C-alpha atoms as a PDB file:
ATOM      1  CA  UNK A   1       4.423 -22.006  43.292  1.00  0.00           C
ATOM      2  CA  UNK A   2       3.956 -23.654  46.618  1.00  0.00           C
ATOM      3  CA  UNK A   3       4.502 -27.153  47.943  1.00  0.00           C
ATOM      4  CA  UNK A   4       1.101 -27.232  49.554  1.00  0.00           C
ATOM      5  CA  UNK A   5      -0.914 -29.077  46.981  1.00  0.00           C
ATOM      6  CA  UNK A   6      -1.117 -32.403  48.797  1.00  0.00           C
ATOM      7  CA  UNK A   7      -0.724 -31.326  52.408  1.00  0.00           C
ATOM      8  CA  UNK A   8      -3.998 -31.762  54.226  1.00  0.00           C
ATOM      9  CA  UNK A   9      -3.092 -29.020  56.683  1.00  0.00           C
ATOM     10  CA  UNK A  10      -3.244 -26.270  54.073  1.00  0.00           C
ATOM     11  CA  UNK A  11      -3.208 -23.816  56.953  1.00  0.00           C
ATOM     12  CA  UNK A  12       0.525 -24.457  57.252  1.00  0.00           C
ATOM     13  CA  UNK A  13       0.933 -22.387  54.100  1.00  0.00           C
ATOM     14  CA  UNK A  14      -1.933 -20.038  54.863  1.00  0.00           C
ATOM     15  CA  UNK A  15       0.279 -18.409  57.495  1.00  0.00           C
ATOM     16  CA  UNK A  16       3.065 -17.589  55.020  1.00  0.00           C
ATOM     17  CA  UNK A  17       0.925 -16.661  52.016  1.00  0.00           C
ATOM     18  CA  UNK A  18       1.036 -12.898  52.533  1.00  0.00           C
ATOM     19  CA  UNK A  19       4.820 -12.809  52.354  1.00  0.00           C
ATOM     20  CA  UNK A  20       5.376 -15.617  49.859  1.00  0.00           C
ATOM     21  CA  UNK A  21       6.288 -13.339  46.951  1.00  0.00           C
ATOM     22  CA  UNK A  22       8.711 -11.266  49.041  1.00  0.00           C
ATOM     23  CA  UNK A  23      11.670 -13.455  48.064  1.00  0.00           C
ATOM     24  CA  UNK A  24      12.622 -12.299  44.550  1.00  0.00           C
ATOM     25  CA  UNK A  25      14.276 -15.623  43.765  1.00  0.00           C
ATOM     26  CA  UNK A  26      10.873 -17.285  43.637  1.00  0.00           C
ATOM     27  CA  UNK A  27       9.729 -15.047  40.794  1.00  0.00           C
ATOM     28  CA  UNK A  28      13.005 -15.598  38.932  1.00  0.00           C
ATOM     29  CA  UNK A  29      12.637 -19.371  39.246  1.00  0.00           C
ATOM     30  CA  UNK A  30       9.009 -19.247  38.101  1.00  0.00           C
ATOM     31  CA  UNK A  31       9.972 -17.201  35.044  1.00  0.00           C
ATOM     32  CA  UNK A  32      12.686 -19.723  34.157  1.00  0.00           C
ATOM     33  CA  UNK A  33      10.258 -22.628  34.504  1.00  0.00           C
ATOM     34  CA  UNK A  34       7.615 -20.837  32.435  1.00  0.00           C
ATOM     35  CA  UNK A  35      10.193 -20.241  29.725  1.00  0.00           C
ATOM     36  CA  UNK A  36      11.183 -23.906  29.784  1.00  0.00           C
ATOM     37  CA  UNK A  37       7.510 -24.910  29.461  1.00  0.00           C
ATOM     38  CA  UNK A  38       7.105 -22.592  26.473  1.00  0.00           C
ATOM     39  CA  UNK A  39      10.179 -24.152  24.846  1.00  0.00           C
ATOM     40  CA  UNK A  40       9.092 -27.752  25.445  1.00  0.00           C
ATOM     41  CA  UNK A  41       5.311 -27.615  24.954  1.00  0.00           C
ATOM     42  CA  UNK A  42       3.540 -26.330  21.819  1.00  0.00           C
ATOM     43  CA  UNK A  43       1.505 -23.682  23.612  1.00  0.00           C
ATOM     44  CA  UNK A  44      -1.376 -22.058  21.738  1.00  0.00           C
ATOM     45  CA  UNK A  45      -3.549 -19.037  22.525  1.00  0.00           C
ATOM     46  CA  UNK A  46      -6.675 -21.240  22.571  1.00  0.00           C
ATOM     47  CA  UNK A  47      -5.376 -23.629  25.269  1.00  0.00           C
ATOM     48  CA  UNK A  48      -6.838 -24.203  28.720  1.00  0.00           C
ATOM     49  CA  UNK A  49      -4.223 -24.887  31.421  1.00  0.00           C
ATOM     50  CA  UNK A  50      -4.208 -26.220  34.961  1.00  0.00           C
ATOM     51  CA  UNK A  51      -1.477 -25.050  37.355  1.00  0.00           C
ATOM     52  CA  UNK A  52      -1.594 -27.499  40.264  1.00  0.00           C
ATOM     53  CA  UNK A  53       0.038 -26.462  43.519  1.00  0.00           C
ATOM     54  CA  UNK A  54      -0.216 -22.937  42.147  1.00  0.00           C
ATOM     55  CA  UNK A  55       0.268 -21.065  45.405  1.00  0.00           C
ATOM     56  CA  UNK A  56       0.298 -17.303  44.800  1.00  0.00           C
ATOM     57  CA  UNK A  57       0.339 -17.878  41.067  1.00  0.00           C
ATOM     58  CA  UNK A  58       3.880 -17.058  40.020  1.00  0.00           C
ATOM     59  CA  UNK A  59       3.751 -19.726  37.314  1.00  0.00           C
ATOM     60  CA  UNK A  60       0.030 -19.187  36.741  1.00  0.00           C
ATOM     61  CA  UNK A  61       0.523 -15.557  35.782  1.00  0.00           C
ATOM     62  CA  UNK A  62       3.294 -16.418  33.330  1.00  0.00           C
ATOM     63  CA  UNK A  63       1.182 -19.113  31.682  1.00  0.00           C
ATOM     64  CA  UNK A  64      -1.809 -16.776  31.469  1.00  0.00           C
ATOM     65  CA  UNK A  65       0.150 -14.620  29.025  1.00  0.00           C
ATOM     66  CA  UNK A  66       0.514 -17.548  26.636  1.00  0.00           C
ATOM     67  CA  UNK A  67      -2.805 -19.445  26.788  1.00  0.00           C
ATOM     68  CA  UNK A  68      -6.526 -18.691  26.772  1.00  0.00           C
ATOM     69  CA  UNK A  69      -7.225 -19.499  30.425  1.00  0.00           C
ATOM     70  CA  UNK A  70      -5.545 -20.950  33.504  1.00  0.00           C
ATOM     71  CA  UNK A  71      -7.091 -22.654  36.520  1.00  0.00           C
ATOM     72  CA  UNK A  72      -4.882 -22.299  39.591  1.00  0.00           C
ATOM     73  CA  UNK A  73      -5.376 -25.222  41.991  1.00  0.00           C
ATOM     74  CA  UNK A  74      -3.995 -25.286  45.525  1.00  0.00           C
ATOM     75  CA  UNK A  75      -4.815 -26.658  48.983  1.00  0.00           C
ATOM     76  CA  UNK A  76      -4.128 -23.308  50.680  1.00  0.00           C
ATOM     77  CA  UNK A  77      -7.036 -20.872  50.631  1.00  0.00           C
ATOM     78  CA  UNK A  78      -4.776 -18.001  51.630  1.00  0.00           C
ATOM     79  CA  UNK A  79      -2.329 -18.641  48.793  1.00  0.00           C
ATOM     80  CA  UNK A  80      -5.251 -18.550  46.360  1.00  0.00           C
ATOM     81  CA  UNK A  81      -6.600 -15.406  48.020  1.00  0.00           C
ATOM     82  CA  UNK A  82      -3.281 -13.651  47.390  1.00  0.00           C
ATOM     83  CA  UNK A  83      -3.409 -14.763  43.757  1.00  0.00           C
ATOM     84  CA  UNK A  84      -6.989 -13.526  43.402  1.00  0.00           C
ATOM     85  CA  UNK A  85      -5.942 -10.142  44.793  1.00  0.00           C
ATOM     86  CA  UNK A  86      -3.127  -9.924  42.263  1.00  0.00           C
ATOM     87  CA  UNK A  87      -5.390 -10.771  39.350  1.00  0.00           C
ATOM     88  CA  UNK A  88      -7.946  -8.168  40.441  1.00  0.00           C
ATOM     89  CA  UNK A  89      -5.282  -5.504  40.878  1.00  0.00           C
ATOM     90  CA  UNK A  90      -3.849  -6.208  37.430  1.00  0.00           C
ATOM     91  CA  UNK A  91      -7.297  -6.649  35.838  1.00  0.00           C
ATOM     92  CA  UNK A  92      -6.431 -10.143  34.602  1.00  0.00           C
ATOM     93  CA  UNK A  93      -9.533 -11.972  33.478  1.00  0.00           C
ATOM     94  CA  UNK A  94      -8.318 -15.385  32.320  1.00  0.00           C
ATOM     95  CA  UNK A  95      -7.338 -16.923  35.673  1.00  0.00           C
ATOM     96  CA  UNK A  96      -9.692 -18.921  37.896  1.00  0.00           C
ATOM     97  CA  UNK A  97      -8.854 -20.471  41.269  1.00  0.00           C
ATOM     98  CA  UNK A  98      -9.788 -23.897  42.610  1.00  0.00           C
ATOM     99  CA  UNK A  99      -9.267 -24.894  46.243  1.00  0.00           C
ATOM    100  CA  UNK A 100      -8.512 -28.629  46.178  1.00  0.00           C
ATOM    101  CA  UNK A 101      -6.052 -31.310  47.218  1.00  0.00           C
ATOM    102  CA  UNK A 102      -4.523 -32.792  44.082  1.00  0.00           C
ATOM    103  CA  UNK A 103      -4.267 -36.267  45.634  1.00  0.00           C
ATOM    104  CA  UNK A 104      -7.639 -36.506  47.361  1.00  0.00           C
ATOM    105  CA  UNK A 105     -10.310 -34.114  46.092  1.00  0.00           C
ATOM    106  CA  UNK A 106     -12.416 -34.436  42.942  1.00  0.00           C
ATOM    107  CA  UNK A 107     -10.728 -32.883  39.919  1.00  0.00           C
ATOM    108  CA  UNK A 108     -12.194 -31.469  36.704  1.00  0.00           C
ATOM    109  CA  UNK A 109     -12.571 -34.154  34.040  1.00  0.00           C
ATOM    110  CA  UNK A 110     -10.784 -33.923  30.687  1.00  0.00           C
ATOM    111  CA  UNK A 111     -11.051 -30.183  30.144  1.00  0.00           C
ATOM    112  CA  UNK A 112      -7.430 -29.012  30.038  1.00  0.00           C
ATOM    113  CA  UNK A 113      -4.813 -28.940  27.292  1.00  0.00           C
ATOM    114  CA  UNK A 114      -1.943 -28.527  29.767  1.00  0.00           C
ATOM    115  CA  UNK A 115      -1.342 -29.486  33.395  1.00  0.00           C
ATOM    116  CA  UNK A 116       1.734 -27.853  34.908  1.00  0.00           C
ATOM    117  CA  UNK A 117       3.233 -28.090  38.367  1.00  0.00           C
ATOM    118  CA  UNK A 118       6.374 -26.516  39.801  1.00  0.00           C
ATOM    119  CA  UNK A 119       8.129 -27.784  42.936  1.00  0.00           C
ATOM    120  CA  UNK A 120       5.089 -29.815  43.906  1.00  0.00           C
ATOM    121  CA  UNK A 121       5.926 -33.458  43.184  1.00  0.00           C
ATOM    122  CA  UNK A 122       8.337 -33.956  46.081  1.00  0.00           C
ATOM    123  CA  UNK A 123       5.492 -33.070  48.456  1.00  0.00           C
ATOM    124  CA  UNK A 124       3.140 -35.723  47.048  1.00  0.00           C
ATOM    125  CA  UNK A 125       2.948 -38.979  48.944  1.00  0.00           C
ATOM    126  CA  UNK A 126       1.884 -40.986  45.862  1.00  0.00           C
ATOM    127  CA  UNK A 127       3.354 -39.471  42.702  1.00  0.00           C
ATOM    128  CA  UNK A 128       2.263 -42.279  40.325  1.00  0.00           C
ATOM    129  CA  UNK A 129      -1.282 -41.993  41.642  1.00  0.00           C
ATOM    130  CA  UNK A 130      -1.279 -38.211  41.221  1.00  0.00           C
ATOM    131  CA  UNK A 131      -0.047 -38.572  37.642  1.00  0.00           C
ATOM    132  CA  UNK A 132      -2.922 -40.907  36.863  1.00  0.00           C
ATOM    133  CA  UNK A 133      -5.366 -38.395  38.347  1.00  0.00           C
ATOM    134  CA  UNK A 134      -3.827 -35.537  36.369  1.00  0.00           C
ATOM    135  CA  UNK A 135      -4.088 -37.534  33.164  1.00  0.00           C
ATOM    136  CA  UNK A 136      -7.822 -37.650  33.741  1.00  0.00           C
ATOM    137  CA  UNK A 137      -7.983 -33.843  33.654  1.00  0.00           C
ATOM    138  CA  UNK A 138      -6.413 -33.668  30.193  1.00  0.00           C
ATOM    139  CA  UNK A 139      -7.991 -33.888  26.786  1.00  0.00           C
ATOM    140  CA  UNK A 140      -6.487 -36.276  24.219  1.00  0.00           C
ATOM    141  CA  UNK A 141      -3.331 -34.589  22.970  1.00  0.00           C
ATOM    142  CA  UNK A 142      -2.986 -32.623  26.199  1.00  0.00           C
ATOM    143  CA  UNK A 143       0.402 -32.041  27.819  1.00  0.00           C
ATOM    144  CA  UNK A 144       1.808 -32.367  31.301  1.00  0.00           C
ATOM    145  CA  UNK A 145       4.828 -30.302  32.397  1.00  0.00           C
ATOM    146  CA  UNK A 146       6.517 -31.077  35.705  1.00  0.00           C
ATOM    147  CA  UNK A 147       9.295 -29.012  37.247  1.00  0.00           C
ATOM    148  CA  UNK A 148      11.033 -30.331  40.340  1.00  0.00           C
ATOM    149  CA  UNK A 149      14.346 -31.175  41.926  1.00  0.00           C
ATOM    150  CA  UNK A 150      16.735 -33.726  40.569  1.00  0.00           C
ATOM    151  CA  UNK A 151      17.564 -36.385  43.150  1.00  0.00           C
ATOM    152  CA  UNK A 152      19.456 -34.703  46.013  1.00  0.00           C
ATOM    153  CA  UNK A 153      21.034 -35.690  49.325  1.00  0.00           C
ATOM    154  CA  UNK A 154      18.212 -34.416  51.521  1.00  0.00           C
ATOM    155  CA  UNK A 155      19.916 -31.149  52.375  1.00  0.00           C
ATOM    156  CA  UNK A 156      17.574 -28.968  50.306  1.00  0.00           C
ATOM    157  CA  UNK A 157      14.781 -28.531  52.829  1.00  0.00           C
ATOM    158  CA  UNK A 158      15.535 -26.903  56.148  1.00  0.00           C
ATOM    159  CA  UNK A 159      12.071 -27.963  57.301  1.00  0.00           C
ATOM    160  CA  UNK A 160      11.369 -31.448  55.985  1.00  0.00           C
ATOM    161  CA  UNK A 161       7.741 -31.475  57.155  1.00  0.00           C
ATOM    162  CA  UNK A 162       5.546 -32.632  54.305  1.00  0.00           C
ATOM    163  CA  UNK A 163       8.503 -33.658  52.131  1.00  0.00           C
ATOM    164  CA  UNK A 164       8.085 -37.173  50.756  1.00  0.00           C
ATOM    165  CA  UNK A 165      10.863 -37.301  48.157  1.00  0.00           C
ATOM    166  CA  UNK A 166      14.434 -36.020  48.014  1.00  0.00           C
ATOM    167  CA  UNK A 167      14.113 -35.039  44.393  1.00  0.00           C
ATOM    168  CA  UNK A 168      13.631 -37.468  41.523  1.00  0.00           C
ATOM    169  CA  UNK A 169      15.503 -39.629  39.084  1.00  0.00           C
ATOM    170  CA  UNK A 170      14.377 -38.507  35.635  1.00  0.00           C
ATOM    171  CA  UNK A 171      14.257 -42.035  34.243  1.00  0.00           C
ATOM    172  CA  UNK A 172      11.998 -43.149  37.089  1.00  0.00           C
ATOM    173  CA  UNK A 173       9.671 -40.207  36.497  1.00  0.00           C
ATOM    174  CA  UNK A 174       9.490 -41.109  32.821  1.00  0.00           C
ATOM    175  CA  UNK A 175       8.521 -44.652  33.822  1.00  0.00           C
ATOM    176  CA  UNK A 176       5.751 -43.353  36.084  1.00  0.00           C
ATOM    177  CA  UNK A 177       4.413 -41.086  33.344  1.00  0.00           C
ATOM    178  CA  UNK A 178       4.344 -43.870  30.794  1.00  0.00           C
ATOM    179  CA  UNK A 179       2.646 -46.216  33.265  1.00  0.00           C
ATOM    180  CA  UNK A 180       0.010 -43.497  33.798  1.00  0.00           C
ATOM    181  CA  UNK A 181      -0.724 -43.521  30.063  1.00  0.00           C
ATOM    182  CA  UNK A 182       1.369 -40.612  28.855  1.00  0.00           C
ATOM    183  CA  UNK A 183       3.676 -40.588  25.845  1.00  0.00           C
ATOM    184  CA  UNK A 184       7.091 -39.299  26.875  1.00  0.00           C
ATOM    185  CA  UNK A 185       8.202 -35.883  25.675  1.00  0.00           C
ATOM    186  CA  UNK A 186      11.501 -34.685  27.113  1.00  0.00           C
ATOM    187  CA  UNK A 187      13.418 -33.787  30.249  1.00  0.00           C
ATOM    188  CA  UNK A 188      15.813 -30.885  30.564  1.00  0.00           C
ATOM    189  CA  UNK A 189      17.393 -28.741  33.241  1.00  0.00           C
ATOM    190  CA  UNK A 190      15.166 -25.689  33.634  1.00  0.00           C
ATOM    191  CA  UNK A 191      16.895 -23.828  36.450  1.00  0.00           C
ATOM    192  CA  UNK A 192      19.880 -24.023  38.771  1.00  0.00           C
ATOM    193  CA  UNK A 193      18.932 -22.953  42.274  1.00  0.00           C
ATOM    194  CA  UNK A 194      21.802 -21.967  44.574  1.00  0.00           C
ATOM    195  CA  UNK A 195      21.041 -21.866  48.268  1.00  0.00           C
ATOM    196  CA  UNK A 196      22.294 -22.915  51.672  1.00  0.00           C
ATOM    197  CA  UNK A 197      21.004 -26.362  52.531  1.00  0.00           C
ATOM    198  CA  UNK A 198      19.811 -27.707  55.839  1.00  0.00           C
ATOM    199  CA  UNK A 199      23.420 -27.991  57.007  1.00  0.00           C
ATOM    200  CA  UNK A 200      24.190 -24.369  56.137  1.00  0.00           C
ATOM    201  CA  UNK A 201      26.457 -25.283  53.215  1.00  0.00           C
ATOM    202  CA  UNK A 202      25.675 -23.473  49.954  1.00  0.00           C
ATOM    203  CA  UNK A 203      24.973 -25.811  47.053  1.00  0.00           C
ATOM    204  CA  UNK A 204      23.542 -25.683  43.562  1.00  0.00           C
ATOM    205  CA  UNK A 205      20.391 -27.742  43.101  1.00  0.00           C
ATOM    206  CA  UNK A 206      19.300 -28.399  39.491  1.00  0.00           C
ATOM    207  CA  UNK A 207      15.588 -28.328  38.685  1.00  0.00           C
ATOM    208  CA  UNK A 208      14.354 -30.329  35.712  1.00  0.00           C
ATOM    209  CA  UNK A 209      11.338 -29.864  33.505  1.00  0.00           C
ATOM    210  CA  UNK A 210       9.805 -33.142  32.322  1.00  0.00           C
ATOM    211  CA  UNK A 211       7.054 -33.193  29.712  1.00  0.00           C
ATOM    212  CA  UNK A 212       4.740 -35.830  28.272  1.00  0.00           C
ATOM    213  CA  UNK A 213       1.430 -35.876  26.459  1.00  0.00           C
ATOM    214  CA  UNK A 214      -1.780 -37.863  26.264  1.00  0.00           C
ATOM    215  CA  UNK A 215      -1.979 -39.778  22.976  1.00  0.00           C
ATOM    216  CA  UNK A 216      -4.575 -38.392  20.583  1.00  0.00           C
ATOM    217  CA  UNK A 217      -6.480 -41.660  20.502  1.00  0.00           C
ATOM    218  CA  UNK A 218      -6.887 -42.990  23.998  1.00  0.00           C
ATOM    219  CA  UNK A 219      -9.397 -43.666  26.687  1.00  0.00           C
ATOM    220  CA  UNK A 220      -9.236 -41.548  29.817  1.00  0.00           C
ATOM    221  CA  UNK A 221      -8.816 -43.551  33.021  1.00  0.00           C
END
């Protein structure tokens, strides 16, 4: 997971890609989010999934155990290179990578059964617009699963560069999803992240998982 998916200067995350997985808490958080996705979404072994803002693939790898194939999309070439190295080393054959900006670049059309993103939304300048674009990548009946911060006081990020939102109100996110053409699923707390904020004070920051799906009979927009 990486917050690079909408940052034009993907090189900002290229420089930290090699050491991204060194913090064990990131893998623990990804496992918790993957478990929450599995609880909330009816995953099947024949599904095709998109992990947007995939970074080094911590969520991607967990999803790949549960579905047929996963496309890992990110704006950082180096993050995707690290993921590709991990898949080669582990001889994992059902993960593909796609270098793209989720807000600006062309996206695959209506080929996925699931679009999942972890800790990406608060780095998107236009979340409603991104949700509309993601809907276009999903087949009728497809699911979207979004993990991010609940609304917080701005202390979470020590470096606020590229941060457009201080977490989210769950009701507002539901409204955006429904306006994008999704049918609401659920929202639940997926993980409680404890860390020192920008001011050095340790706090607990809840992360939610929100899900919704594309109605079976609909027109893609």
